[in-house]
């Protein structure tokens, strides 16, 4: 039995699709130049997240009883550090409204966990924030989706916000700081504006009525020129 008589094949399995990695003594596709065979094992260099997946090794060798074959499957998971997340923070908001801040990065493997900071202090997830119970916290932070939700934002929530993504592979990454300004709704100003508009409309209506009364809209004042 010669070593050269042994057939070794490697395949990558993606759902129902099967593609060759190593076939007839050569690597196939993007594995050329960055993979090498060692006995029946393969070593891949410069792996990327695209290399993650299920691989199957098939070996067959001649014997006294004919061809003997065997196979085994392994799963490769390429770990990728968190990338710099993209943060969505509104520039301004009115107090009492619902405001949601978003943070996301799609490169890290495994998926990142997220934490929000305000004025360089981490927002709490603990049972207590000072003397405030968790169920009375003015926000809800989802460390999986990266959202920070204010059901009733207030002026106290004004500040500089940023989010940090971390999957414990490499260093945590954070987005640039963005400021959110929360202002009270100026009810008196709105009422004053509504009153002024109403007075203007009323004045226009009185003007039209007066003009009709004086006959300014009469047909005798309409002239046609050739």
C-alpha atoms as a PDB file:
ATOM      1  CA  UNK A   1       0.000   0.000   0.000  1.00  0.00           C
ATOM      2  CA  UNK A   2       1.589   3.240  -1.142  1.00  0.00           C
ATOM      3  CA  UNK A   3       0.936   6.695   0.295  1.00  0.00           C
ATOM      4  CA  UNK A   4       0.387   7.985  -3.258  1.00  0.00           C
ATOM      5  CA  UNK A   5      -2.506   5.557  -3.652  1.00  0.00           C
ATOM      6  CA  UNK A   6      -4.412   7.288  -0.856  1.00  0.00           C
ATOM      7  CA  UNK A   7      -6.952   9.850  -2.055  1.00  0.00           C
ATOM      8  CA  UNK A   8      -7.573  12.891   0.155  1.00  0.00           C
ATOM      9  CA  UNK A   9     -10.284  15.427  -0.619  1.00  0.00           C
ATOM     10  CA  UNK A  10     -11.536  18.424   1.324  1.00  0.00           C
ATOM     11  CA  UNK A  11     -14.893  20.057   0.685  1.00  0.00           C
ATOM     12  CA  UNK A  12     -16.718  23.050   2.135  1.00  0.00           C
ATOM     13  CA  UNK A  13     -20.416  22.639   2.850  1.00  0.00           C
ATOM     14  CA  UNK A  14     -22.765  25.634   2.759  1.00  0.00           C
ATOM     15  CA  UNK A  15     -26.316  24.413   3.180  1.00  0.00           C
ATOM     16  CA  UNK A  16     -27.026  22.245   0.143  1.00  0.00           C
ATOM     17  CA  UNK A  17     -24.005  23.588  -1.750  1.00  0.00           C
ATOM     18  CA  UNK A  18     -20.749  21.619  -1.689  1.00  0.00           C
ATOM     19  CA  UNK A  19     -17.533  23.056  -3.144  1.00  0.00           C
ATOM     20  CA  UNK A  20     -14.042  21.590  -3.410  1.00  0.00           C
ATOM     21  CA  UNK A  21     -11.259  22.966  -1.251  1.00  0.00           C
ATOM     22  CA  UNK A  22      -8.620  20.337  -2.052  1.00  0.00           C
ATOM     23  CA  UNK A  23      -9.020  17.975  -5.010  1.00  0.00           C
ATOM     24  CA  UNK A  24      -6.599  15.735  -6.937  1.00  0.00           C
ATOM     25  CA  UNK A  25      -3.581  17.085  -5.094  1.00  0.00           C
ATOM     26  CA  UNK A  26      -4.365  20.800  -5.580  1.00  0.00           C
ATOM     27  CA  UNK A  27      -6.208  23.539  -3.720  1.00  0.00           C
ATOM     28  CA  UNK A  28      -9.161  25.100  -5.500  1.00  0.00           C
ATOM     29  CA  UNK A  29     -10.318  28.718  -5.843  1.00  0.00           C
ATOM     30  CA  UNK A  30      -9.273  31.272  -3.234  1.00  0.00           C
ATOM     31  CA  UNK A  31      -7.511  28.573  -1.199  1.00  0.00           C
ATOM     32  CA  UNK A  32      -4.686  28.497  -3.741  1.00  0.00           C
ATOM     33  CA  UNK A  33      -1.537  30.080  -2.351  1.00  0.00           C
ATOM     34  CA  UNK A  34      -2.822  30.388   1.215  1.00  0.00           C
ATOM     35  CA  UNK A  35      -3.405  26.777   2.211  1.00  0.00           C
ATOM     36  CA  UNK A  36      -1.193  23.719   2.415  1.00  0.00           C
ATOM     37  CA  UNK A  37      -1.766  20.028   2.992  1.00  0.00           C
ATOM     38  CA  UNK A  38      -0.066  18.177   5.832  1.00  0.00           C
ATOM     39  CA  UNK A  39      -0.744  14.457   5.591  1.00  0.00           C
ATOM     40  CA  UNK A  40      -4.544  14.560   5.538  1.00  0.00           C
ATOM     41  CA  UNK A  41      -4.906  17.896   7.358  1.00  0.00           C
ATOM     42  CA  UNK A  42      -5.011  21.348   5.774  1.00  0.00           C
ATOM     43  CA  UNK A  43      -3.646  24.597   7.143  1.00  0.00           C
ATOM     44  CA  UNK A  44      -5.253  27.846   5.976  1.00  0.00           C
ATOM     45  CA  UNK A  45      -3.349  31.113   6.290  1.00  0.00           C
ATOM     46  CA  UNK A  46      -4.786  34.629   6.516  1.00  0.00           C
ATOM     47  CA  UNK A  47      -8.267  33.382   7.350  1.00  0.00           C
ATOM     48  CA  UNK A  48     -11.249  35.724   7.053  1.00  0.00           C
ATOM     49  CA  UNK A  49     -14.813  35.481   8.294  1.00  0.00           C
ATOM     50  CA  UNK A  50     -15.755  34.077   4.855  1.00  0.00           C
ATOM     51  CA  UNK A  51     -13.735  30.965   5.706  1.00  0.00           C
ATOM     52  CA  UNK A  52     -16.098  30.147   8.567  1.00  0.00           C
ATOM     53  CA  UNK A  53     -18.265  27.119   7.929  1.00  0.00           C
ATOM     54  CA  UNK A  54     -18.426  23.338   7.822  1.00  0.00           C
ATOM     55  CA  UNK A  55     -15.665  21.335   6.136  1.00  0.00           C
ATOM     56  CA  UNK A  56     -15.609  17.653   5.243  1.00  0.00           C
ATOM     57  CA  UNK A  57     -12.519  15.485   4.750  1.00  0.00           C
ATOM     58  CA  UNK A  58     -12.910  12.351   2.631  1.00  0.00           C
ATOM     59  CA  UNK A  59     -10.156   9.713   2.513  1.00  0.00           C
ATOM     60  CA  UNK A  60     -10.044   6.522   0.486  1.00  0.00           C
ATOM     61  CA  UNK A  61      -7.227   4.022   0.141  1.00  0.00           C
ATOM     62  CA  UNK A  62      -6.889   0.631  -1.564  1.00  0.00           C
ATOM     63  CA  UNK A  63      -6.764  -2.498   0.584  1.00  0.00           C
ATOM     64  CA  UNK A  64      -6.875  -6.254   0.224  1.00  0.00           C
ATOM     65  CA  UNK A  65     -10.663  -6.069   0.396  1.00  0.00           C
ATOM     66  CA  UNK A  66     -11.001  -3.288  -2.142  1.00  0.00           C
ATOM     67  CA  UNK A  67     -11.318   0.439  -1.513  1.00  0.00           C
ATOM     68  CA  UNK A  68     -11.578   1.610   2.086  1.00  0.00           C
ATOM     69  CA  UNK A  69     -13.115   5.031   2.672  1.00  0.00           C
ATOM     70  CA  UNK A  70     -13.793   7.291   5.599  1.00  0.00           C
ATOM     71  CA  UNK A  71     -14.842  10.866   6.231  1.00  0.00           C
ATOM     72  CA  UNK A  72     -15.101  13.398   9.013  1.00  0.00           C
ATOM     73  CA  UNK A  73     -16.576  16.890   9.382  1.00  0.00           C
ATOM     74  CA  UNK A  74     -15.303  19.871  11.305  1.00  0.00           C
ATOM     75  CA  UNK A  75     -16.717  23.355  11.835  1.00  0.00           C
ATOM     76  CA  UNK A  76     -14.436  26.366  11.537  1.00  0.00           C
ATOM     77  CA  UNK A  77     -15.418  29.595  13.277  1.00  0.00           C
ATOM     78  CA  UNK A  78     -13.188  32.552  12.487  1.00  0.00           C
ATOM     79  CA  UNK A  79     -13.209  35.070  15.346  1.00  0.00           C
ATOM     80  CA  UNK A  80     -13.263  38.723  14.260  1.00  0.00           C
ATOM     81  CA  UNK A  81     -12.827  41.705  16.633  1.00  0.00           C
ATOM     82  CA  UNK A  82     -15.567  44.302  16.901  1.00  0.00           C
ATOM     83  CA  UNK A  83     -15.487  47.086  14.335  1.00  0.00           C
ATOM     84  CA  UNK A  84     -16.197  50.760  15.067  1.00  0.00           C
ATOM     85  CA  UNK A  85     -19.978  50.941  15.504  1.00  0.00           C
ATOM     86  CA  UNK A  86     -22.295  53.365  13.738  1.00  0.00           C
ATOM     87  CA  UNK A  87     -24.342  55.448  16.183  1.00  0.00           C
ATOM     88  CA  UNK A  88     -27.592  57.310  15.542  1.00  0.00           C
ATOM     89  CA  UNK A  89     -28.172  60.092  18.077  1.00  0.00           C
ATOM     90  CA  UNK A  90     -30.750  62.856  17.458  1.00  0.00           C
ATOM     91  CA  UNK A  91     -29.330  66.360  17.667  1.00  0.00           C
ATOM     92  CA  UNK A  92     -32.408  67.689  19.466  1.00  0.00           C
ATOM     93  CA  UNK A  93     -35.592  66.397  21.068  1.00  0.00           C
ATOM     94  CA  UNK A  94     -38.629  67.789  22.895  1.00  0.00           C
ATOM     95  CA  UNK A  95     -39.143  66.766  26.506  1.00  0.00           C
ATOM     96  CA  UNK A  96     -41.828  64.165  27.068  1.00  0.00           C
ATOM     97  CA  UNK A  97     -41.374  62.527  23.669  1.00  0.00           C
ATOM     98  CA  UNK A  98     -40.108  59.030  22.839  1.00  0.00           C
ATOM     99  CA  UNK A  99     -36.466  59.003  21.694  1.00  0.00           C
ATOM    100  CA  UNK A 100     -34.394  56.018  20.577  1.00  0.00           C
ATOM    101  CA  UNK A 101     -30.614  56.006  20.117  1.00  0.00           C
ATOM    102  CA  UNK A 102     -29.144  53.233  17.950  1.00  0.00           C
ATOM    103  CA  UNK A 103     -25.725  51.570  17.818  1.00  0.00           C
ATOM    104  CA  UNK A 104     -24.621  48.767  15.482  1.00  0.00           C
ATOM    105  CA  UNK A 105     -21.595  47.059  13.957  1.00  0.00           C
ATOM    106  CA  UNK A 106     -21.768  44.016  11.694  1.00  0.00           C
ATOM    107  CA  UNK A 107     -18.168  42.813  11.467  1.00  0.00           C
ATOM    108  CA  UNK A 108     -17.519  41.208  14.843  1.00  0.00           C
ATOM    109  CA  UNK A 109     -17.687  37.431  15.358  1.00  0.00           C
ATOM    110  CA  UNK A 110     -19.157  36.554  17.773  1.00  0.00           C
ATOM    111  CA  UNK A 111     -21.716  39.366  17.780  1.00  0.00           C
ATOM    112  CA  UNK A 112     -20.852  42.391  19.887  1.00  0.00           C
ATOM    113  CA  UNK A 113     -22.515  43.522  23.080  1.00  0.00           C
ATOM    114  CA  UNK A 114     -23.234  47.239  23.397  1.00  0.00           C
ATOM    115  CA  UNK A 115     -23.056  49.816  26.161  1.00  0.00           C
ATOM    116  CA  UNK A 116     -24.025  53.477  26.070  1.00  0.00           C
ATOM    117  CA  UNK A 117     -22.178  56.333  27.777  1.00  0.00           C
ATOM    118  CA  UNK A 118     -23.407  59.817  28.657  1.00  0.00           C
ATOM    119  CA  UNK A 119     -20.873  62.534  29.430  1.00  0.00           C
ATOM    120  CA  UNK A 120     -18.184  59.796  29.651  1.00  0.00           C
ATOM    121  CA  UNK A 121     -20.103  57.825  32.308  1.00  0.00           C
ATOM    122  CA  UNK A 122     -21.554  54.369  31.515  1.00  0.00           C
ATOM    123  CA  UNK A 123     -25.328  54.156  31.754  1.00  0.00           C
ATOM    124  CA  UNK A 124     -26.276  51.661  34.410  1.00  0.00           C
ATOM    125  CA  UNK A 125     -27.850  48.243  33.969  1.00  0.00           C
ATOM    126  CA  UNK A 126     -27.716  47.420  37.678  1.00  0.00           C
ATOM    127  CA  UNK A 127     -30.715  47.015  39.961  1.00  0.00           C
ATOM    128  CA  UNK A 128     -30.046  50.406  41.484  1.00  0.00           C
ATOM    129  CA  UNK A 129     -28.933  53.703  40.012  1.00  0.00           C
ATOM    130  CA  UNK A 130     -28.222  55.794  43.102  1.00  0.00           C
ATOM    131  CA  UNK A 131     -31.492  55.565  45.004  1.00  0.00           C
ATOM    132  CA  UNK A 132     -33.574  54.918  41.877  1.00  0.00           C
ATOM    133  CA  UNK A 133     -34.928  51.428  41.267  1.00  0.00           C
ATOM    134  CA  UNK A 134     -34.391  49.807  37.896  1.00  0.00           C
ATOM    135  CA  UNK A 135     -38.087  49.865  36.997  1.00  0.00           C
ATOM    136  CA  UNK A 136     -38.000  53.655  37.408  1.00  0.00           C
ATOM    137  CA  UNK A 137     -34.943  54.265  35.254  1.00  0.00           C
ATOM    138  CA  UNK A 138     -35.731  56.873  32.583  1.00  0.00           C
ATOM    139  CA  UNK A 139     -34.325  54.647  29.837  1.00  0.00           C
ATOM    140  CA  UNK A 140     -34.072  51.046  28.639  1.00  0.00           C
ATOM    141  CA  UNK A 141     -30.721  49.858  27.272  1.00  0.00           C
ATOM    142  CA  UNK A 142     -30.616  46.720  25.099  1.00  0.00           C
ATOM    143  CA  UNK A 143     -27.060  45.384  25.099  1.00  0.00           C
ATOM    144  CA  UNK A 144     -27.836  42.923  22.288  1.00  0.00           C
ATOM    145  CA  UNK A 145     -29.516  45.214  19.747  1.00  0.00           C
ATOM    146  CA  UNK A 146     -27.600  48.338  20.812  1.00  0.00           C
ATOM    147  CA  UNK A 147     -30.661  50.538  21.347  1.00  0.00           C
ATOM    148  CA  UNK A 148     -31.133  53.109  24.103  1.00  0.00           C
ATOM    149  CA  UNK A 149     -34.803  53.995  24.523  1.00  0.00           C
ATOM    150  CA  UNK A 150     -36.250  56.969  26.414  1.00  0.00           C
ATOM    151  CA  UNK A 151     -40.025  56.644  26.775  1.00  0.00           C
ATOM    152  CA  UNK A 152     -40.299  60.179  28.175  1.00  0.00           C
ATOM    153  CA  UNK A 153     -37.103  62.085  27.505  1.00  0.00           C
ATOM    154  CA  UNK A 154     -36.402  65.067  29.791  1.00  0.00           C
ATOM    155  CA  UNK A 155     -33.989  67.993  29.955  1.00  0.00           C
ATOM    156  CA  UNK A 156     -31.892  65.933  32.385  1.00  0.00           C
ATOM    157  CA  UNK A 157     -31.132  63.586  29.483  1.00  0.00           C
ATOM    158  CA  UNK A 158     -29.292  66.322  27.591  1.00  0.00           C
ATOM    159  CA  UNK A 159     -25.651  65.375  27.125  1.00  0.00           C
ATOM    160  CA  UNK A 160     -22.912  63.888  24.995  1.00  0.00           C
ATOM    161  CA  UNK A 161     -23.515  60.257  24.056  1.00  0.00           C
ATOM    162  CA  UNK A 162     -21.433  57.500  22.547  1.00  0.00           C
ATOM    163  CA  UNK A 163     -21.710  53.728  22.302  1.00  0.00           C
ATOM    164  CA  UNK A 164     -19.121  51.008  22.835  1.00  0.00           C
ATOM    165  CA  UNK A 165     -19.140  47.641  21.020  1.00  0.00           C
ATOM    166  CA  UNK A 166     -17.265  44.685  22.505  1.00  0.00           C
ATOM    167  CA  UNK A 167     -17.204  40.967  21.672  1.00  0.00           C
ATOM    168  CA  UNK A 168     -14.152  40.239  23.877  1.00  0.00           C
ATOM    169  CA  UNK A 169     -12.017  39.606  20.774  1.00  0.00           C
ATOM    170  CA  UNK A 170      -9.554  42.458  20.587  1.00  0.00           C
ATOM    171  CA  UNK A 171     -10.213  45.910  22.029  1.00  0.00           C
ATOM    172  CA  UNK A 172     -13.672  47.477  22.496  1.00  0.00           C
ATOM    173  CA  UNK A 173     -14.578  49.999  19.802  1.00  0.00           C
ATOM    174  CA  UNK A 174     -16.616  53.167  20.226  1.00  0.00           C
ATOM    175  CA  UNK A 175     -18.370  55.581  17.901  1.00  0.00           C
ATOM    176  CA  UNK A 176     -17.712  59.354  17.834  1.00  0.00           C
ATOM    177  CA  UNK A 177     -19.358  61.418  20.568  1.00  0.00           C
ATOM    178  CA  UNK A 178     -22.654  63.063  19.602  1.00  0.00           C
ATOM    179  CA  UNK A 179     -24.627  65.623  21.622  1.00  0.00           C
ATOM    180  CA  UNK A 180     -28.373  65.417  22.199  1.00  0.00           C
ATOM    181  CA  UNK A 181     -30.146  68.585  23.354  1.00  0.00           C
ATOM    182  CA  UNK A 182     -33.521  68.178  25.053  1.00  0.00           C
ATOM    183  CA  UNK A 183     -35.737  71.272  25.416  1.00  0.00           C
ATOM    184  CA  UNK A 184     -39.093  71.818  27.083  1.00  0.00           C
ATOM    185  CA  UNK A 185     -42.108  72.377  24.878  1.00  0.00           C
ATOM    186  CA  UNK A 186     -42.823  76.142  24.811  1.00  0.00           C
ATOM    187  CA  UNK A 187     -46.592  75.959  25.348  1.00  0.00           C
ATOM    188  CA  UNK A 188     -47.054  79.698  25.923  1.00  0.00           C
ATOM    189  CA  UNK A 189     -45.148  80.489  22.740  1.00  0.00           C
ATOM    190  CA  UNK A 190     -47.301  78.095  20.724  1.00  0.00           C
ATOM    191  CA  UNK A 191     -50.500  79.599  22.159  1.00  0.00           C
ATOM    192  CA  UNK A 192     -49.285  83.106  21.345  1.00  0.00           C
ATOM    193  CA  UNK A 193     -48.461  82.084  17.777  1.00  0.00           C
ATOM    194  CA  UNK A 194     -51.905  80.498  17.325  1.00  0.00           C
ATOM    195  CA  UNK A 195     -53.605  83.655  18.646  1.00  0.00           C
ATOM    196  CA  UNK A 196     -51.595  85.877  16.275  1.00  0.00           C
ATOM    197  CA  UNK A 197     -52.462  83.696  13.277  1.00  0.00           C
ATOM    198  CA  UNK A 198     -56.137  83.710  14.293  1.00  0.00           C
ATOM    199  CA  UNK A 199     -56.112  87.522  14.540  1.00  0.00           C
ATOM    200  CA  UNK A 200     -54.506  87.825  11.107  1.00  0.00           C
ATOM    201  CA  UNK A 201     -57.137  85.530   9.577  1.00  0.00           C
ATOM    202  CA  UNK A 202     -59.913  87.457  11.319  1.00  0.00           C
ATOM    203  CA  UNK A 203     -58.502  90.772  10.083  1.00  0.00           C
ATOM    204  CA  UNK A 204     -58.357  89.484   6.515  1.00  0.00           C
ATOM    205  CA  UNK A 205     -61.946  88.280   6.786  1.00  0.00           C
ATOM    206  CA  UNK A 206     -63.122  91.673   8.071  1.00  0.00           C
ATOM    207  CA  UNK A 207     -61.205  93.415   5.290  1.00  0.00           C
ATOM    208  CA  UNK A 208     -62.894  91.315   2.613  1.00  0.00           C
ATOM    209  CA  UNK A 209     -66.295  91.898   4.211  1.00  0.00           C
ATOM    210  CA  UNK A 210     -65.713  95.664   4.324  1.00  0.00           C
ATOM    211  CA  UNK A 211     -64.568  95.713   0.693  1.00  0.00           C
ATOM    212  CA  UNK A 212     -67.674  93.834  -0.412  1.00  0.00           C
ATOM    213  CA  UNK A 213     -69.828  96.178   1.653  1.00  0.00           C
ATOM    214  CA  UNK A 214     -68.331  99.206  -0.087  1.00  0.00           C
ATOM    215  CA  UNK A 215     -68.742  97.596  -3.473  1.00  0.00           C
ATOM    216  CA  UNK A 216     -65.064  97.374  -4.283  1.00  0.00           C
ATOM    217  CA  UNK A 217     -65.657  93.921  -5.752  1.00  0.00           C
ATOM    218  CA  UNK A 218     -68.577  95.144  -7.905  1.00  0.00           C
ATOM    219  CA  UNK A 219     -68.474  94.402 -11.626  1.00  0.00           C
ATOM    220  CA  UNK A 220     -68.457  98.115 -12.460  1.00  0.00           C
ATOM    221  CA  UNK A 221     -64.884  98.349 -11.184  1.00  0.00           C
ATOM    222  CA  UNK A 222     -63.707  95.569 -13.489  1.00  0.00           C
ATOM    223  CA  UNK A 223     -62.050  96.965 -16.638  1.00  0.00           C
ATOM    224  CA  UNK A 224     -60.925  95.163 -19.723  1.00  0.00           C
ATOM    225  CA  UNK A 225     -58.191  96.485 -21.954  1.00  0.00           C
ATOM    226  CA  UNK A 226     -57.430  95.452 -25.480  1.00  0.00           C
END
